[in-house]
C-alpha atoms as a PDB file:
ATOM      1  CA  PRO A   1      13.734 -25.571  -3.091  1.00  0.00           C
ATOM      2  CA  GLY A   2      14.283 -25.884   0.637  1.00  0.00           C
ATOM      3  CA  PRO A   3      12.616 -28.212   3.098  1.00  0.00           C
ATOM      4  CA  SER A   4       8.920 -27.831   3.721  1.00  0.00           C
ATOM      5  CA  MET A   5       7.787 -26.067   6.882  1.00  0.00           C
ATOM      6  CA  PRO A   6       6.704 -28.366   9.698  1.00  0.00           C
ATOM      7  CA  ASN A   7       3.038 -28.698  10.577  1.00  0.00           C
ATOM      8  CA  LEU A   8       2.228 -26.621  13.662  1.00  0.00           C
ATOM      9  CA  GLY A   9      -1.097 -28.144  14.589  1.00  0.00           C
ATOM     10  CA  GLY A  10      -3.088 -26.653  11.718  1.00  0.00           C
ATOM     11  CA  SER A  11      -2.254 -23.022  12.494  1.00  0.00           C
ATOM     12  CA  GLU A  12      -2.087 -21.002   9.304  1.00  0.00           C
ATOM     13  CA  TYR A  13       1.117 -19.003   8.913  1.00  0.00           C
ATOM     14  CA  VAL A  14       0.883 -15.244   8.656  1.00  0.00           C
ATOM     15  CA  SER A  15       4.617 -14.603   8.607  1.00  0.00           C
ATOM     16  CA  ARG A  16       7.965 -15.972   9.689  1.00  0.00           C
ATOM     17  CA  TYR A  17      11.153 -14.211  10.704  1.00  0.00           C
ATOM     18  CA  LEU A  18      14.743 -15.235  11.268  1.00  0.00           C
ATOM     19  CA  VAL A  19      15.564 -14.334  14.886  1.00  0.00           C
ATOM     20  CA  VAL A  20      18.297 -14.952  17.416  1.00  0.00           C
ATOM     21  CA  LYS A  21      17.115 -16.412  20.717  1.00  0.00           C
ATOM     22  CA  SER A  22      19.166 -15.370  23.749  1.00  0.00           C
ATOM     23  CA  SER A  23      19.207 -17.645  26.766  1.00  0.00           C
ATOM     24  CA  TRP A  24      21.543 -18.601  29.579  1.00  0.00           C
ATOM     25  CA  ARG A  25      22.859 -21.348  27.274  1.00  0.00           C
ATOM     26  CA  GLY A  26      23.870 -18.908  24.555  1.00  0.00           C
ATOM     27  CA  LYS A  27      22.443 -17.481  21.339  1.00  0.00           C
ATOM     28  CA  TYR A  28      20.610 -19.618  18.774  1.00  0.00           C
ATOM     29  CA  LYS A  29      19.141 -18.917  15.355  1.00  0.00           C
ATOM     30  CA  ARG A  30      15.425 -19.670  15.154  1.00  0.00           C
ATOM     31  CA  LEU A  31      12.539 -19.059  12.815  1.00  0.00           C
ATOM     32  CA  PHE A  32       9.838 -17.159  14.687  1.00  0.00           C
ATOM     33  CA  VAL A  33       6.579 -18.188  13.029  1.00  0.00           C
ATOM     34  CA  VAL A  34       3.453 -16.087  13.508  1.00  0.00           C
ATOM     35  CA  GLY A  35       0.225 -17.992  12.975  1.00  0.00           C
ATOM     36  CA  LYS A  36      -3.457 -17.174  13.298  1.00  0.00           C
ATOM     37  CA  ASN A  37      -3.717 -19.351  16.433  1.00  0.00           C
ATOM     38  CA  GLY A  38      -0.306 -18.813  18.041  1.00  0.00           C
ATOM     39  CA  VAL A  39       3.439 -18.473  17.590  1.00  0.00           C
ATOM     40  CA  SER A  40       6.166 -21.092  17.223  1.00  0.00           C
ATOM     41  CA  THR A  41       9.925 -21.258  17.044  1.00  0.00           C
ATOM     42  CA  ILE A  42      11.675 -23.602  14.647  1.00  0.00           C
ATOM     43  CA  ASN A  43      15.300 -24.717  14.551  1.00  0.00           C
ATOM     44  CA  PRO A  44      16.462 -23.894  10.983  1.00  0.00           C
ATOM     45  CA  GLY A  45      19.676 -25.895  11.417  1.00  0.00           C
ATOM     46  CA  GLY A  46      19.031 -28.999   9.370  1.00  0.00           C
ATOM     47  CA  SER A  47      16.150 -30.774  11.116  1.00  0.00           C
ATOM     48  CA  TRP A  48      13.575 -27.936  10.997  1.00  0.00           C
ATOM     49  CA  GLU A  49      12.165 -29.178  14.308  1.00  0.00           C
ATOM     50  CA  VAL A  50       9.568 -27.121  16.143  1.00  0.00           C
ATOM     51  CA  THR A  51      11.278 -26.071  19.381  1.00  0.00           C
ATOM     52  CA  ASN A  52       8.329 -24.270  21.023  1.00  0.00           C
ATOM     53  CA  THR A  53       4.674 -23.514  20.304  1.00  0.00           C
ATOM     54  CA  TRP A  54       2.329 -21.248  22.268  1.00  0.00           C
ATOM     55  CA  ASP A  55      -1.362 -20.742  21.538  1.00  0.00           C
ATOM     56  CA  TYR A  56      -2.710 -17.195  21.893  1.00  0.00           C
ATOM     57  CA  GLY A  57      -5.603 -18.338  24.065  1.00  0.00           C
ATOM     58  CA  HIS A  58      -3.493 -20.292  26.566  1.00  0.00           C
ATOM     59  CA  GLY A  59       0.295 -20.124  26.724  1.00  0.00           C
ATOM     60  CA  PHE A  60       1.148 -16.861  24.965  1.00  0.00           C
ATOM     61  CA  LEU A  61       0.781 -13.837  27.252  1.00  0.00           C
ATOM     62  CA  ASP A  62       2.650 -10.837  25.807  1.00  0.00           C
ATOM     63  CA  ILE A  63       5.244  -9.487  23.372  1.00  0.00           C
ATOM     64  CA  THR A  64       7.176  -6.268  24.020  1.00  0.00           C
ATOM     65  CA  PRO A  65      10.083  -4.420  22.440  1.00  0.00           C
ATOM     66  CA  SER A  66      13.218  -4.215  24.562  1.00  0.00           C
ATOM     67  CA  GLY A  67      14.677  -0.841  25.423  1.00  0.00           C
ATOM     68  CA  LYS A  68      18.219  -2.184  24.962  1.00  0.00           C
ATOM     69  CA  ASN A  69      18.359  -1.717  21.177  1.00  0.00           C
ATOM     70  CA  ALA A  70      16.188  -1.575  18.041  1.00  0.00           C
ATOM     71  CA  GLU A  71      16.284  -5.356  17.418  1.00  0.00           C
ATOM     72  CA  GLU A  72      15.537  -7.017  20.765  1.00  0.00           C
ATOM     73  CA  PHE A  73      12.109  -8.051  22.027  1.00  0.00           C
ATOM     74  CA  THR A  74      10.726 -10.334  24.691  1.00  0.00           C
ATOM     75  CA  ILE A  75       7.789 -12.689  24.854  1.00  0.00           C
ATOM     76  CA  THR A  76       6.051 -13.756  28.041  1.00  0.00           C
ATOM     77  CA  VAL A  77       4.609 -17.260  28.015  1.00  0.00           C
ATOM     78  CA  HIS A  78       3.543 -20.175  30.150  1.00  0.00           C
ATOM     79  CA  LYS A  79       6.053 -22.841  29.122  1.00  0.00           C
ATOM     80  CA  LYS A  80       3.713 -25.705  30.018  1.00  0.00           C
ATOM     81  CA  PRO A  81      -0.074 -25.856  30.424  1.00  0.00           C
ATOM     82  CA  GLY A  82      -0.991 -25.165  34.035  1.00  0.00           C
ATOM     83  CA  ASP A  83       2.178 -23.193  34.848  1.00  0.00           C
ATOM     84  CA  LYS A  84       1.331 -20.422  37.280  1.00  0.00           C
ATOM     85  CA  LYS A  85       4.550 -18.466  36.882  1.00  0.00           C
ATOM     86  CA  PRO A  86       5.128 -16.935  33.435  1.00  0.00           C
ATOM     87  CA  THR A  87       8.499 -17.180  31.685  1.00  0.00           C
ATOM     88  CA  THR A  88      10.142 -14.393  29.705  1.00  0.00           C
ATOM     89  CA  MET A  89      12.218 -15.202  26.631  1.00  0.00           C
ATOM     90  CA  SER A  90      14.477 -12.794  24.707  1.00  0.00           C
ATOM     91  CA  PHE A  91      14.930 -12.610  20.961  1.00  0.00           C
ATOM     92  CA  ALA A  92      16.434 -10.231  18.400  1.00  0.00           C
ATOM     93  CA  SER A  93      15.324  -9.511  14.831  1.00  0.00           C
ATOM     94  CA  CYS A  94      16.192  -6.795  12.333  1.00  0.00           C
ATOM     95  CA  SER A  95      12.449  -6.821  11.501  1.00  0.00           C
ATOM     96  CA  ARG A  96      11.291  -6.368  15.107  1.00  0.00           C
ATOM     97  CA  ALA A  97       8.591  -3.760  14.385  1.00  0.00           C
ATOM     98  CA  HIS A  98       6.913  -5.883  11.706  1.00  0.00           C
ATOM     99  CA  LEU A  99       7.204  -9.078  13.769  1.00  0.00           C
ATOM    100  CA  ILE A 100       5.593  -7.451  16.822  1.00  0.00           C
ATOM    101  CA  SER A 101       2.884  -5.878  14.641  1.00  0.00           C
ATOM    102  CA  ASP A 102       2.105  -9.255  13.080  1.00  0.00           C
ATOM    103  CA  VAL A 103       1.677 -10.854  16.518  1.00  0.00           C
ATOM    104  CA  LEU A 104      -0.394  -7.926  17.828  1.00  0.00           C
ATOM    105  CA  LEU A 105      -2.879  -8.384  14.969  1.00  0.00           C
ATOM    106  CA  PHE A 106      -4.181 -11.341  16.985  1.00  0.00           C
ATOM    107  CA  ARG A 107      -4.265  -9.530  20.359  1.00  0.00           C
ATOM    108  CA  SER A 108      -8.017 -10.112  20.695  1.00  0.00           C
ATOM    109  CA  SER A 109      -7.339 -13.898  20.755  1.00  0.00           C
ATOM    110  CA  TRP A 110      -4.949 -13.747  23.721  1.00  0.00           C
ATOM    111  CA  SER A 111      -6.000 -15.029  27.115  1.00  0.00           C
ATOM    112  CA  SER A 112      -5.320 -11.553  28.577  1.00  0.00           C
ATOM    113  CA  LYS A 113      -7.784  -9.367  26.696  1.00  0.00           C
ATOM    114  CA  PRO A 114      -6.829  -5.917  25.311  1.00  0.00           C
ATOM    115  CA  LYS A 115      -8.239  -2.677  26.567  1.00  0.00           C
ATOM    116  CA  VAL A 116     -11.453  -1.450  24.949  1.00  0.00           C
ATOM    117  CA  GLU A 117     -10.801   0.129  21.562  1.00  0.00           C
ATOM    118  CA  THR A 118     -12.676   3.348  20.850  1.00  0.00           C
ATOM    119  CA  ALA A 119     -13.566   4.749  17.442  1.00  0.00           C
ATOM    120  CA  PHE A 120     -13.203   8.477  16.798  1.00  0.00           C
ATOM    121  CA  ALA A 121     -14.987  10.548  14.158  1.00  0.00           C
ATOM    122  CA  ALA A 122     -12.599  11.944  11.549  1.00  0.00           C
ATOM    123  CA  ASN A 123     -12.464  13.204   7.980  1.00  0.00           C
ATOM    124  CA  LYS A 124     -10.309  11.764   5.219  1.00  0.00           C
ATOM    125  CA  LEU A 125      -9.033  14.298   2.700  1.00  0.00           C
ATOM    126  CA  ARG A 126      -9.270  12.781  -0.782  1.00  0.00           C
ATOM    127  CA  SER A 127      -6.882  13.571  -3.646  1.00  0.00           C
ATOM    128  CA  ASN A 128      -9.547  15.730  -5.300  1.00  0.00           C
ATOM    129  CA  GLY A 129      -9.720  17.965  -2.200  1.00  0.00           C
ATOM    130  CA  THR A 130     -13.024  16.693  -0.804  1.00  0.00           C
ATOM    131  CA  ALA A 131     -13.374  15.398   2.742  1.00  0.00           C
ATOM    132  CA  SER A 132     -15.180  12.147   3.542  1.00  0.00           C
ATOM    133  CA  PRO A 133     -16.348  11.188   7.026  1.00  0.00           C
ATOM    134  CA  ILE A 134     -14.609   8.122   8.464  1.00  0.00           C
ATOM    135  CA  GLY A 135     -14.027   6.534  11.835  1.00  0.00           C
ATOM    136  CA  LEU A 136     -10.559   5.906  13.232  1.00  0.00           C
ATOM    137  CA  MET A 137      -9.968   3.278  15.879  1.00  0.00           C
ATOM    138  CA  VAL A 138      -6.674   3.200  17.787  1.00  0.00           C
ATOM    139  CA  THR A 139      -5.536  -0.387  18.412  1.00  0.00           C
ATOM    140  CA  CYS A 140      -2.351  -1.913  19.826  1.00  0.00           C
ATOM    141  CA  TYR A 141      -1.016  -2.552  16.291  1.00  0.00           C
ATOM    142  CA  GLY A 142      -2.156   0.530  14.342  1.00  0.00           C
ATOM    143  CA  LEU A 143      -4.957   2.808  13.261  1.00  0.00           C
ATOM    144  CA  CYS A 144      -8.005   1.162  11.756  1.00  0.00           C
ATOM    145  CA  GLN A 145     -10.158   3.107   9.343  1.00  0.00           C
ATOM    146  CA  VAL A 146     -13.709   2.029  10.096  1.00  0.00           C
ATOM    147  CA  ASN A 147     -17.115   2.743   8.667  1.00  0.00           C
ATOM    148  CA  PRO A 148     -18.373   5.865  10.505  1.00  0.00           C
ATOM    149  CA  ASN A 149     -21.770   4.191  10.992  1.00  0.00           C
ATOM    150  CA  ASP A 150     -20.441   0.753  12.023  1.00  0.00           C
ATOM    151  CA  SER A 151     -17.083   0.639  13.854  1.00  0.00           C
ATOM    152  CA  SER A 152     -17.005  -3.177  13.564  1.00  0.00           C
ATOM    153  CA  HIS A 153     -16.535  -2.827   9.779  1.00  0.00           C
ATOM    154  CA  VAL A 154     -12.774  -2.246   9.286  1.00  0.00           C
ATOM    155  CA  MET A 155     -12.095  -0.716   5.873  1.00  0.00           C
ATOM    156  CA  CYS A 156      -8.303  -0.300   6.129  1.00  0.00           C
ATOM    157  CA  VAL A 157      -5.495  -0.816   8.646  1.00  0.00           C
ATOM    158  CA  TYR A 158      -2.513   1.530   8.983  1.00  0.00           C
ATOM    159  CA  ARG A 159       0.000  -0.443  11.036  1.00  0.00           C
ATOM    160  CA  PHE A 160       2.293   1.583  13.315  1.00  0.00           C
ATOM    161  CA  CYS A 161       5.357  -0.142  11.871  1.00  0.00           C
ATOM    162  CA  ASP A 162       4.440   1.232   8.430  1.00  0.00           C
ATOM    163  CA  ILE A 163       3.600   4.799   9.443  1.00  0.00           C
END
């Protein structure tokens, strides 16, 4: 058994990924921890110290894939509360699509709100050949199958990284 994960202010973990952080100082291994309330980076080299934490509602602004290669992504954050100028940080992970999808699941909690999501009427073809009416809502992280009479009732999520 390894060391226990540090407490990140009560945020429940959704997932964690081994990443490489690129900065002007060099490249460093980090754990990129996705929580329900924000993201954190942890130094896995012995001390397991939390190196950075950003709440979705305040410091965390965006996450985007890099066009350089299939592993790199950037996050845009306010390093300290009250910072007016955002900072961009670069990371790389072989699980980039899943990591970004996990963070985007909490897009509605970010301080910069997402665009309005619209539900579309559709039919789902069942294995027995019958069609059932459903609603499909396009979100930033995937397609949500919703109740055709109540688009706030999500029945299933098809994440883009899994399609």
